[in-house]
Amino acid sequence: MPLYEFTCEQCDHTFEELVFDGDQVACPKCDSARVAKLLSVPGLAKSTSSALPMSSCGDPSLPPCGAPWCQRKG
């Protein structure tokens, strides 16, 4: 997904913008076209468990967490 982080050279506002080929980017705060693309590193998901977010947390008799039919509490 072409999501980039920019900073406005006029008002120093930092923002993210979806940019497709040929799109012009302007600051959403002051509407200036003087923006600079920042170097961003993708973040890693932090988890205290090795289970996937939609897994049944190790108990195969339970439905996946977050499912509408899930009977688990907590």
PDB file of N, CA and C in Angstrom:
ATOM      1  N   MET A   1       0.849  -1.162   0.000  1.00  0.00           N
ATOM      2  CA  MET A   1       0.000   0.000   0.000  1.00  0.00           C
ATOM      3  C   MET A   1       0.903   1.237   0.000  1.00  0.00           C
ATOM      4  N   PRO A   2       0.657   2.179  -0.859  1.00  0.00           N
ATOM      5  CA  PRO A   2       1.526   3.358  -0.969  1.00  0.00           C
ATOM      6  C   PRO A   2       1.216   4.434   0.073  1.00  0.00           C
ATOM      7  N   LEU A   3       1.454   4.132   1.338  1.00  0.00           N
ATOM      8  CA  LEU A   3       1.236   5.076   2.422  1.00  0.00           C
ATOM      9  C   LEU A   3       2.587   5.669   2.794  1.00  0.00           C
ATOM     10  N   TYR A   4       2.699   6.981   2.703  1.00  0.00           N
ATOM     11  CA  TYR A   4       3.960   7.656   2.977  1.00  0.00           C
ATOM     12  C   TYR A   4       3.771   8.686   4.074  1.00  0.00           C
ATOM     13  N   GLU A   5       4.867   8.999   4.752  1.00  0.00           N
ATOM     14  CA  GLU A   5       4.855  10.025   5.786  1.00  0.00           C
ATOM     15  C   GLU A   5       5.557  11.260   5.231  1.00  0.00           C
ATOM     16  N   PHE A   6       4.959  12.416   5.465  1.00  0.00           N
ATOM     17  CA  PHE A   6       5.482  13.678   4.957  1.00  0.00           C
ATOM     18  C   PHE A   6       5.595  14.688   6.080  1.00  0.00           C
ATOM     19  N   THR A   7       6.413  15.706   5.854  1.00  0.00           N
ATOM     20  CA  THR A   7       6.451  16.869   6.719  1.00  0.00           C
ATOM     21  C   THR A   7       6.311  18.105   5.839  1.00  0.00           C
ATOM     22  N   CYS A   8       5.558  19.056   6.333  1.00  0.00           N
ATOM     23  CA  CYS A   8       5.344  20.294   5.588  1.00  0.00           C
ATOM     24  C   CYS A   8       6.523  21.226   5.839  1.00  0.00           C
ATOM     25  N   GLU A   9       7.107  21.749   4.783  1.00  0.00           N
ATOM     26  CA  GLU A   9       8.247  22.655   4.912  1.00  0.00           C
ATOM     27  C   GLU A   9       7.805  24.067   5.317  1.00  0.00           C
ATOM     28  N   GLN A  10       6.515  24.341   5.232  1.00  0.00           N
ATOM     29  CA  GLN A  10       6.013  25.666   5.587  1.00  0.00           C
ATOM     30  C   GLN A  10       5.587  25.746   7.058  1.00  0.00           C
ATOM     31  N   CYS A  11       4.814  24.735   7.521  1.00  0.00           N
ATOM     32  CA  CYS A  11       4.291  24.798   8.895  1.00  0.00           C
ATOM     33  C   CYS A  11       4.824  23.693   9.812  1.00  0.00           C
ATOM     34  N   ASP A  12       5.696  22.824   9.308  1.00  0.00           N
ATOM     35  CA  ASP A  12       6.306  21.722  10.069  1.00  0.00           C
ATOM     36  C   ASP A  12       5.313  20.669  10.534  1.00  0.00           C
ATOM     37  N   HIS A  13       4.133  20.610   9.948  1.00  0.00           N
ATOM     38  CA  HIS A  13       3.146  19.581  10.280  1.00  0.00           C
ATOM     39  C   HIS A  13       3.589  18.253   9.661  1.00  0.00           C
ATOM     40  N   THR A  14       3.532  17.157  10.431  1.00  0.00           N
ATOM     41  CA  THR A  14       3.865  15.821   9.937  1.00  0.00           C
ATOM     42  C   THR A  14       2.569  15.054   9.743  1.00  0.00           C
ATOM     43  N   PHE A  15       2.444  14.364   8.606  1.00  0.00           N
ATOM     44  CA  PHE A  15       1.213  13.648   8.288  1.00  0.00           C
ATOM     45  C   PHE A  15       1.504  12.457   7.389  1.00  0.00           C
ATOM     46  N   GLU A  16       0.537  11.537   7.299  1.00  0.00           N
ATOM     47  CA  GLU A  16       0.621  10.384   6.406  1.00  0.00           C
ATOM     48  C   GLU A  16      -0.374  10.581   5.279  1.00  0.00           C
ATOM     49  N   GLU A  17      -0.030  10.074   4.111  1.00  0.00           N
ATOM     50  CA  GLU A  17      -0.887  10.259   2.940  1.00  0.00           C
ATOM     51  C   GLU A  17      -0.772   9.041   2.023  1.00  0.00           C
ATOM     52  N   LEU A  18      -1.914   8.582   1.509  1.00  0.00           N
ATOM     53  CA  LEU A  18      -1.914   7.556   0.462  1.00  0.00           C
ATOM     54  C   LEU A  18      -1.564   8.244  -0.841  1.00  0.00           C
ATOM     55  N   VAL A  19      -0.520   7.786  -1.501  1.00  0.00           N
ATOM     56  CA  VAL A  19      -0.055   8.440  -2.721  1.00  0.00           C
ATOM     57  C   VAL A  19       0.035   7.417  -3.841  1.00  0.00           C
ATOM     58  N   PHE A  20      -0.673   7.678  -4.892  1.00  0.00           N
ATOM     59  CA  PHE A  20      -0.614   6.842  -6.085  1.00  0.00           C
ATOM     60  C   PHE A  20       0.175   7.575  -7.156  1.00  0.00           C
ATOM     61  N   ASP A  21       0.588   6.883  -8.185  1.00  0.00           N
ATOM     62  CA  ASP A  21       1.428   7.445  -9.233  1.00  0.00           C
ATOM     63  C   ASP A  21       0.821   8.726  -9.802  1.00  0.00           C
ATOM     64  N   GLY A  22       1.590   9.810  -9.743  1.00  0.00           N
ATOM     65  CA  GLY A  22       1.155  11.085 -10.304  1.00  0.00           C
ATOM     66  C   GLY A  22       0.364  11.969  -9.352  1.00  0.00           C
ATOM     67  N   ASP A  23       0.054  11.487  -8.145  1.00  0.00           N
ATOM     68  CA  ASP A  23      -0.695  12.302  -7.176  1.00  0.00           C
ATOM     69  C   ASP A  23       0.170  13.443  -6.644  1.00  0.00           C
ATOM     70  N   GLN A  24      -0.434  14.600  -6.473  1.00  0.00           N
ATOM     71  CA  GLN A  24       0.227  15.738  -5.846  1.00  0.00           C
ATOM     72  C   GLN A  24      -0.155  15.741  -4.369  1.00  0.00           C
ATOM     73  N   VAL A  25       0.818  15.936  -3.506  1.00  0.00           N
ATOM     74  CA  VAL A  25       0.574  15.919  -2.066  1.00  0.00           C
ATOM     75  C   VAL A  25       0.626  17.345  -1.539  1.00  0.00           C
ATOM     76  N   ALA A  26      -0.358  17.682  -0.695  1.00  0.00           N
ATOM     77  CA  ALA A  26      -0.406  18.992  -0.053  1.00  0.00           C
ATOM     78  C   ALA A  26      -0.640  18.792   1.439  1.00  0.00           C
ATOM     79  N   CYS A  27      -0.134  19.690   2.224  1.00  0.00           N
ATOM     80  CA  CYS A  27      -0.300  19.636   3.671  1.00  0.00           C
ATOM     81  C   CYS A  27      -1.788  19.804   4.020  1.00  0.00           C
ATOM     82  N   PRO A  28      -2.346  18.900   4.836  1.00  0.00           N
ATOM     83  CA  PRO A  28      -3.758  19.032   5.211  1.00  0.00           C
ATOM     84  C   PRO A  28      -4.010  20.184   6.189  1.00  0.00           C
ATOM     85  N   LYS A  29      -2.951  20.694   6.821  1.00  0.00           N
ATOM     86  CA  LYS A  29      -3.120  21.764   7.804  1.00  0.00           C
ATOM     87  C   LYS A  29      -3.101  23.149   7.147  1.00  0.00           C
ATOM     88  N   CYS A  30      -2.109  23.384   6.253  1.00  0.00           N
ATOM     89  CA  CYS A  30      -1.988  24.722   5.660  1.00  0.00           C
ATOM     90  C   CYS A  30      -2.166  24.718   4.135  1.00  0.00           C
ATOM     91  N   ASP A  31      -2.345  23.547   3.555  1.00  0.00           N
ATOM     92  CA  ASP A  31      -2.577  23.361   2.122  1.00  0.00           C
ATOM     93  C   ASP A  31      -1.363  23.724   1.258  1.00  0.00           C
ATOM     94  N   SER A  32      -0.180  23.749   1.855  1.00  0.00           N
ATOM     95  CA  SER A  32       1.042  24.033   1.104  1.00  0.00           C
ATOM     96  C   SER A  32       1.480  22.796   0.313  1.00  0.00           C
ATOM     97  N   ALA A  33       2.008  23.020  -0.872  1.00  0.00           N
ATOM     98  CA  ALA A  33       2.538  21.927  -1.685  1.00  0.00           C
ATOM     99  C   ALA A  33       4.015  21.685  -1.395  1.00  0.00           C
ATOM    100  N   ARG A  34       4.602  22.485  -0.508  1.00  0.00           N
ATOM    101  CA  ARG A  34       6.012  22.325  -0.142  1.00  0.00           C
ATOM    102  C   ARG A  34       6.126  21.281   0.963  1.00  0.00           C
ATOM    103  N   VAL A  35       6.116  20.005   0.570  1.00  0.00           N
ATOM    104  CA  VAL A  35       6.205  18.898   1.518  1.00  0.00           C
ATOM    105  C   VAL A  35       7.413  18.040   1.173  1.00  0.00           C
ATOM    106  N   ALA A  36       7.952  17.374   2.189  1.00  0.00           N
ATOM    107  CA  ALA A  36       9.087  16.479   2.003  1.00  0.00           C
ATOM    108  C   ALA A  36       8.716  15.097   2.518  1.00  0.00           C
ATOM    109  N   LYS A  37       9.029  14.084   1.726  1.00  0.00           N
ATOM    110  CA  LYS A  37       8.752  12.715   2.127  1.00  0.00           C
ATOM    111  C   LYS A  37       9.772  12.298   3.173  1.00  0.00           C
ATOM    112  N   LEU A  38       9.285  11.704   4.264  1.00  0.00           N
ATOM    113  CA  LEU A  38      10.156  11.241   5.331  1.00  0.00           C
ATOM    114  C   LEU A  38      10.493   9.773   5.123  1.00  0.00           C
ATOM    115  N   LEU A  39      11.640   9.376   5.603  1.00  0.00           N
ATOM    116  CA  LEU A  39      12.040   7.983   5.541  1.00  0.00           C
ATOM    117  C   LEU A  39      11.381   7.259   6.697  1.00  0.00           C
ATOM    118  N   SER A  40      10.543   6.285   6.394  1.00  0.00           N
ATOM    119  CA  SER A  40       9.806   5.556   7.421  1.00  0.00           C
ATOM    120  C   SER A  40      10.198   4.090   7.384  1.00  0.00           C
ATOM    121  N   VAL A  41      10.229   3.478   8.548  1.00  0.00           N
ATOM    122  CA  VAL A  41      10.493   2.053   8.659  1.00  0.00           C
ATOM    123  C   VAL A  41       9.212   1.403   9.142  1.00  0.00           C
ATOM    124  N   PRO A  42       8.746   0.337   8.480  1.00  0.00           N
ATOM    125  CA  PRO A  42       7.520  -0.313   8.927  1.00  0.00           C
ATOM    126  C   PRO A  42       7.673  -0.854  10.343  1.00  0.00           C
ATOM    127  N   GLY A  43       6.637  -0.700  11.130  1.00  0.00           N
ATOM    128  CA  GLY A  43       6.664  -1.202  12.498  1.00  0.00           C
ATOM    129  C   GLY A  43       6.346  -2.685  12.540  1.00  0.00           C
ATOM    130  N   LEU A  44       6.867  -3.360  13.542  1.00  0.00           N
ATOM    131  CA  LEU A  44       6.572  -4.767  13.751  1.00  0.00           C
ATOM    132  C   LEU A  44       5.442  -4.887  14.758  1.00  0.00           C
ATOM    133  N   ALA A  45       4.578  -5.857  14.530  1.00  0.00           N
ATOM    134  CA  ALA A  45       3.494  -6.102  15.477  1.00  0.00           C
ATOM    135  C   ALA A  45       4.093  -6.644  16.765  1.00  0.00           C
ATOM    136  N   LYS A  46       3.640  -6.113  17.883  1.00  0.00           N
ATOM    137  CA  LYS A  46       4.140  -6.570  19.175  1.00  0.00           C
ATOM    138  C   LYS A  46       3.118  -7.510  19.779  1.00  0.00           C
ATOM    139  N   SER A  47       3.592  -8.664  20.206  1.00  0.00           N
ATOM    140  CA  SER A  47       2.702  -9.657  20.772  1.00  0.00           C
ATOM    141  C   SER A  47       3.392 -10.339  21.941  1.00  0.00           C
ATOM    142  N   THR A  48       2.646 -10.603  22.983  1.00  0.00           N
ATOM    143  CA  THR A  48       3.198 -11.333  24.118  1.00  0.00           C
ATOM    144  C   THR A  48       2.928 -12.815  23.983  1.00  0.00           C
ATOM    145  N   SER A  49       2.215 -13.187  22.942  1.00  0.00           N
ATOM    146  CA  SER A  49       1.840 -14.577  22.732  1.00  0.00           C
ATOM    147  C   SER A  49       2.266 -15.009  21.337  1.00  0.00           C
ATOM    148  N   SER A  50       2.539 -16.274  21.177  1.00  0.00           N
ATOM    149  CA  SER A  50       2.887 -16.782  19.855  1.00  0.00           C
ATOM    150  C   SER A  50       1.628 -17.137  19.060  1.00  0.00           C
ATOM    151  N   ALA A  51       0.451 -17.063  19.710  1.00  0.00           N
ATOM    152  CA  ALA A  51      -0.804 -17.388  19.037  1.00  0.00           C
ATOM    153  C   ALA A  51      -1.192 -16.275  18.076  1.00  0.00           C
ATOM    154  N   LEU A  52      -1.827 -16.625  16.991  1.00  0.00           N
ATOM    155  CA  LEU A  52      -2.344 -15.635  16.064  1.00  0.00           C
ATOM    156  C   LEU A  52      -3.524 -14.917  16.691  1.00  0.00           C
ATOM    157  N   PRO A  53      -3.808 -13.674  16.286  1.00  0.00           N
ATOM    158  CA  PRO A  53      -4.894 -12.919  16.912  1.00  0.00           C
ATOM    159  C   PRO A  53      -6.254 -13.598  16.806  1.00  0.00           C
ATOM    160  N   MET A  54      -6.500 -14.348  15.766  1.00  0.00           N
ATOM    161  CA  MET A  54      -7.803 -14.990  15.601  1.00  0.00           C
ATOM    162  C   MET A  54      -7.758 -16.469  15.981  1.00  0.00           C
ATOM    163  N   SER A  55      -6.715 -16.910  16.660  1.00  0.00           N
ATOM    164  CA  SER A  55      -6.626 -18.312  17.040  1.00  0.00           C
ATOM    165  C   SER A  55      -7.480 -18.553  18.274  1.00  0.00           C
ATOM    166  N   SER A  56      -7.623 -19.811  18.637  1.00  0.00           N
ATOM    167  CA  SER A  56      -8.419 -20.145  19.815  1.00  0.00           C
ATOM    168  C   SER A  56      -7.549 -20.169  21.066  1.00  0.00           C
ATOM    169  N   CYS A  57      -6.392 -19.525  21.006  1.00  0.00           N
ATOM    170  CA  CYS A  57      -5.483 -19.368  22.147  1.00  0.00           C
ATOM    171  C   CYS A  57      -5.048 -20.711  22.731  1.00  0.00           C
ATOM    172  N   GLY A  58      -4.854 -21.693  21.898  1.00  0.00           N
ATOM    173  CA  GLY A  58      -4.322 -22.975  22.348  1.00  0.00           C
ATOM    174  C   GLY A  58      -5.369 -24.011  22.687  1.00  0.00           C
ATOM    175  N   ASP A  59      -6.632 -23.659  22.792  1.00  0.00           N
ATOM    176  CA  ASP A  59      -7.676 -24.627  23.109  1.00  0.00           C
ATOM    177  C   ASP A  59      -8.497 -24.904  21.853  1.00  0.00           C
ATOM    178  N   PRO A  60      -8.276 -26.070  21.192  1.00  0.00           N
ATOM    179  CA  PRO A  60      -8.979 -26.359  19.946  1.00  0.00           C
ATOM    180  C   PRO A  60     -10.490 -26.536  20.107  1.00  0.00           C
ATOM    181  N   SER A  61     -10.988 -26.709  21.342  1.00  0.00           N
ATOM    182  CA  SER A  61     -12.430 -26.873  21.537  1.00  0.00           C
ATOM    183  C   SER A  61     -13.167 -25.533  21.492  1.00  0.00           C
ATOM    184  N   LEU A  62     -12.413 -24.413  21.567  1.00  0.00           N
ATOM    185  CA  LEU A  62     -13.027 -23.095  21.540  1.00  0.00           C
ATOM    186  C   LEU A  62     -13.033 -22.524  20.128  1.00  0.00           C
ATOM    187  N   PRO A  63     -14.041 -21.709  19.803  1.00  0.00           N
ATOM    188  CA  PRO A  63     -14.033 -21.034  18.504  1.00  0.00           C
ATOM    189  C   PRO A  63     -12.965 -19.949  18.490  1.00  0.00           C
ATOM    190  N   PRO A  64     -12.627 -19.432  17.324  1.00  0.00           N
ATOM    191  CA  PRO A  64     -11.611 -18.374  17.255  1.00  0.00           C
ATOM    192  C   PRO A  64     -12.006 -17.151  18.072  1.00  0.00           C
ATOM    193  N   CYS A  65     -11.001 -16.506  18.656  1.00  0.00           N
ATOM    194  CA  CYS A  65     -11.246 -15.281  19.431  1.00  0.00           C
ATOM    195  C   CYS A  65     -11.830 -14.207  18.520  1.00  0.00           C
ATOM    196  N   GLY A  66     -12.793 -13.460  19.001  1.00  0.00           N
ATOM    197  CA  GLY A  66     -13.371 -12.365  18.250  1.00  0.00           C
ATOM    198  C   GLY A  66     -14.490 -12.758  17.314  1.00  0.00           C
ATOM    199  N   ALA A  67     -14.749 -14.045  17.184  1.00  0.00           N
ATOM    200  CA  ALA A  67     -15.823 -14.483  16.293  1.00  0.00           C
ATOM    201  C   ALA A  67     -17.176 -14.151  16.915  1.00  0.00           C
ATOM    202  N   PRO A  68     -18.197 -13.811  16.109  1.00  0.00           N
ATOM    203  CA  PRO A  68     -19.512 -13.443  16.672  1.00  0.00           C
ATOM    204  C   PRO A  68     -20.117 -14.551  17.539  1.00  0.00           C
ATOM    205  N   TRP A  69     -19.788 -15.794  17.267  1.00  0.00           N
ATOM    206  CA  TRP A  69     -20.361 -16.901  18.008  1.00  0.00           C
ATOM    207  C   TRP A  69     -19.491 -17.317  19.199  1.00  0.00           C
ATOM    208  N   CYS A  70     -18.412 -16.605  19.436  1.00  0.00           N
ATOM    209  CA  CYS A  70     -17.478 -16.952  20.502  1.00  0.00           C
ATOM    210  C   CYS A  70     -18.167 -16.872  21.855  1.00  0.00           C
ATOM    211  N   GLN A  71     -18.026 -17.916  22.658  1.00  0.00           N
ATOM    212  CA  GLN A  71     -18.628 -17.983  23.985  1.00  0.00           C
ATOM    213  C   GLN A  71     -17.637 -17.671  25.087  1.00  0.00           C
ATOM    214  N   ARG A  72     -16.381 -17.428  24.720  1.00  0.00           N
ATOM    215  CA  ARG A  72     -15.362 -17.152  25.732  1.00  0.00           C
ATOM    216  C   ARG A  72     -15.597 -15.805  26.365  1.00  0.00           C
ATOM    217  N   LYS A  73     -15.348 -15.701  27.627  1.00  0.00           N
ATOM    218  CA  LYS A  73     -15.457 -14.454  28.358  1.00  0.00           C
ATOM    219  C   LYS A  73     -14.046 -13.945  28.639  1.00  0.00           C
ATOM    220  N   GLY A  74     -13.852 -12.635  28.509  1.00  0.00           N
ATOM    221  CA  GLY A  74     -12.555 -12.048  28.834  1.00  0.00           C
ATOM    222  C   GLY A  74     -11.637 -12.138  27.717  1.00  0.00           C
TER     223      GLY A  74
END
